[in-house]
Protein backbone atom coordinates (compact mmCIF):
# COMPACT_ATOMS: atom_id res chain seq x y z
CA UNK A 1 -55.67 -19.35 -40.72
CA UNK A 2 -56.10 -19.51 -36.95
CA UNK A 3 -55.09 -17.80 -33.74
CA UNK A 4 -53.38 -19.81 -31.02
CA UNK A 5 -53.05 -18.23 -27.58
CA UNK A 6 -49.76 -19.57 -26.25
CA UNK A 7 -49.86 -17.88 -22.89
CA UNK A 8 -46.54 -19.36 -21.74
CA UNK A 9 -43.29 -20.70 -23.12
CA UNK A 10 -43.20 -23.49 -20.55
CA UNK A 11 -44.92 -25.79 -21.02
CA UNK A 12 -45.14 -25.16 -24.75
CA UNK A 13 -48.11 -26.75 -26.52
CA UNK A 14 -46.01 -28.44 -29.21
CA UNK A 15 -48.86 -30.72 -30.29
CA UNK A 16 -51.06 -27.75 -31.23
CA UNK A 17 -48.15 -25.98 -32.94
CA UNK A 18 -47.20 -29.02 -35.02
CA UNK A 19 -50.83 -29.52 -36.05
CA UNK A 20 -51.02 -25.85 -37.09
CA UNK A 21 -47.77 -26.22 -39.02
CA UNK A 22 -49.23 -29.16 -40.95
CA UNK A 23 -52.56 -27.45 -41.65
CA UNK A 24 -51.44 -23.90 -42.53
CA UNK A 25 -48.88 -22.15 -44.72
CA UNK A 26 -46.82 -20.92 -41.79
CA UNK A 27 -46.85 -19.42 -38.32
CA UNK A 28 -46.51 -15.78 -37.27
CA UNK A 29 -45.71 -15.05 -33.64
CA UNK A 30 -46.21 -11.67 -31.98
CA UNK A 31 -44.63 -10.65 -28.70
CA UNK A 32 -44.39 -7.29 -26.98
CA UNK A 33 -40.80 -7.73 -25.86
CA UNK A 34 -37.46 -8.83 -27.29
CA UNK A 35 -37.57 -11.52 -29.93
CA UNK A 36 -34.38 -13.01 -28.48
CA UNK A 37 -35.12 -15.96 -26.24
CA UNK A 38 -38.84 -15.44 -26.42
CA UNK A 39 -41.94 -17.19 -27.60
CA UNK A 40 -41.09 -16.87 -31.29
CA UNK A 41 -37.82 -18.74 -30.89
CA UNK A 42 -39.55 -21.47 -28.88
CA UNK A 43 -42.23 -21.86 -31.56
CA UNK A 44 -39.61 -21.92 -34.32
CA UNK A 45 -37.73 -24.68 -32.51
CA UNK A 46 -40.92 -26.69 -31.94
CA UNK A 47 -41.89 -26.68 -35.63
CA UNK A 48 -38.39 -26.69 -37.09
CA UNK A 49 -38.42 -28.02 -40.65
CA UNK A 50 -42.23 -28.34 -40.72
CA UNK A 51 -43.18 -24.79 -41.78
CA UNK A 52 -41.84 -21.29 -41.91
CA UNK A 53 -42.10 -19.00 -38.90
CA UNK A 54 -42.12 -15.20 -38.87
CA UNK A 55 -41.42 -13.55 -35.53
CA UNK A 56 -42.80 -10.08 -34.81
CA UNK A 57 -41.45 -8.36 -31.72
CA UNK A 58 -39.03 -5.81 -30.34
CA UNK A 59 -35.73 -5.91 -32.26
CA UNK A 60 -34.05 -2.82 -30.86
CA UNK A 61 -33.51 -1.24 -27.48
CA UNK A 62 -36.86 -0.60 -25.82
CA UNK A 63 -37.86 2.98 -25.10
CA UNK A 64 -40.53 4.91 -23.28
CA UNK A 65 -43.74 6.02 -24.92
CA UNK A 66 -47.45 5.57 -25.09
CA UNK A 67 -48.52 1.97 -25.70
CA UNK A 68 -49.99 2.62 -29.16
CA UNK A 69 -46.85 4.51 -30.23
CA UNK A 70 -44.57 1.72 -29.04
CA UNK A 71 -46.58 -1.03 -30.70
CA UNK A 72 -46.46 0.88 -34.00
CA UNK A 73 -42.74 1.74 -33.61
CA UNK A 74 -41.83 -1.92 -33.10
CA UNK A 75 -44.10 -3.24 -35.85
CA UNK A 76 -46.44 -5.17 -33.58
CA UNK A 77 -49.61 -3.09 -33.74
CA UNK A 78 -52.79 -4.41 -35.37
CA UNK A 79 -51.92 -2.90 -38.76
CA UNK A 80 -48.48 -4.53 -38.74
CA UNK A 81 -49.94 -7.92 -37.83
CA UNK A 82 -52.54 -7.72 -40.61
CA UNK A 83 -49.81 -6.69 -43.07
CA UNK A 84 -47.63 -9.64 -42.01
CA UNK A 85 -50.50 -12.09 -42.46
CA UNK A 86 -51.35 -10.73 -45.92
CA UNK A 87 -47.70 -10.81 -47.04
CA UNK A 88 -47.15 -14.32 -45.73
C-alpha cells in the first residue's frame, strides 16, 4: 500500500503509476469533484490492463453543505476511503 500525491492531471506521472500498478493489488483514486473527465479516468487510462482502478468522487449533481457533510454524502470522507481500501 502507498499514497501517491498526483497534484495535477497534466503532466501525469505515468511512470510512478505504472510502478504502483506492478507492485500493488490495485489503485484507488479520490477526488472532490466529478469523476467524469477527472484524475481517476486519467489514472485508469495510464494503467489500463495492468491493474484494477477504483475511482471515488462525486457521481451526482453537487450541492451546498458543510465540507464534512459533503465529503460523507459523496463517499469521499476518511471513513469511506478506509472502507474502500479494506474492501479492495
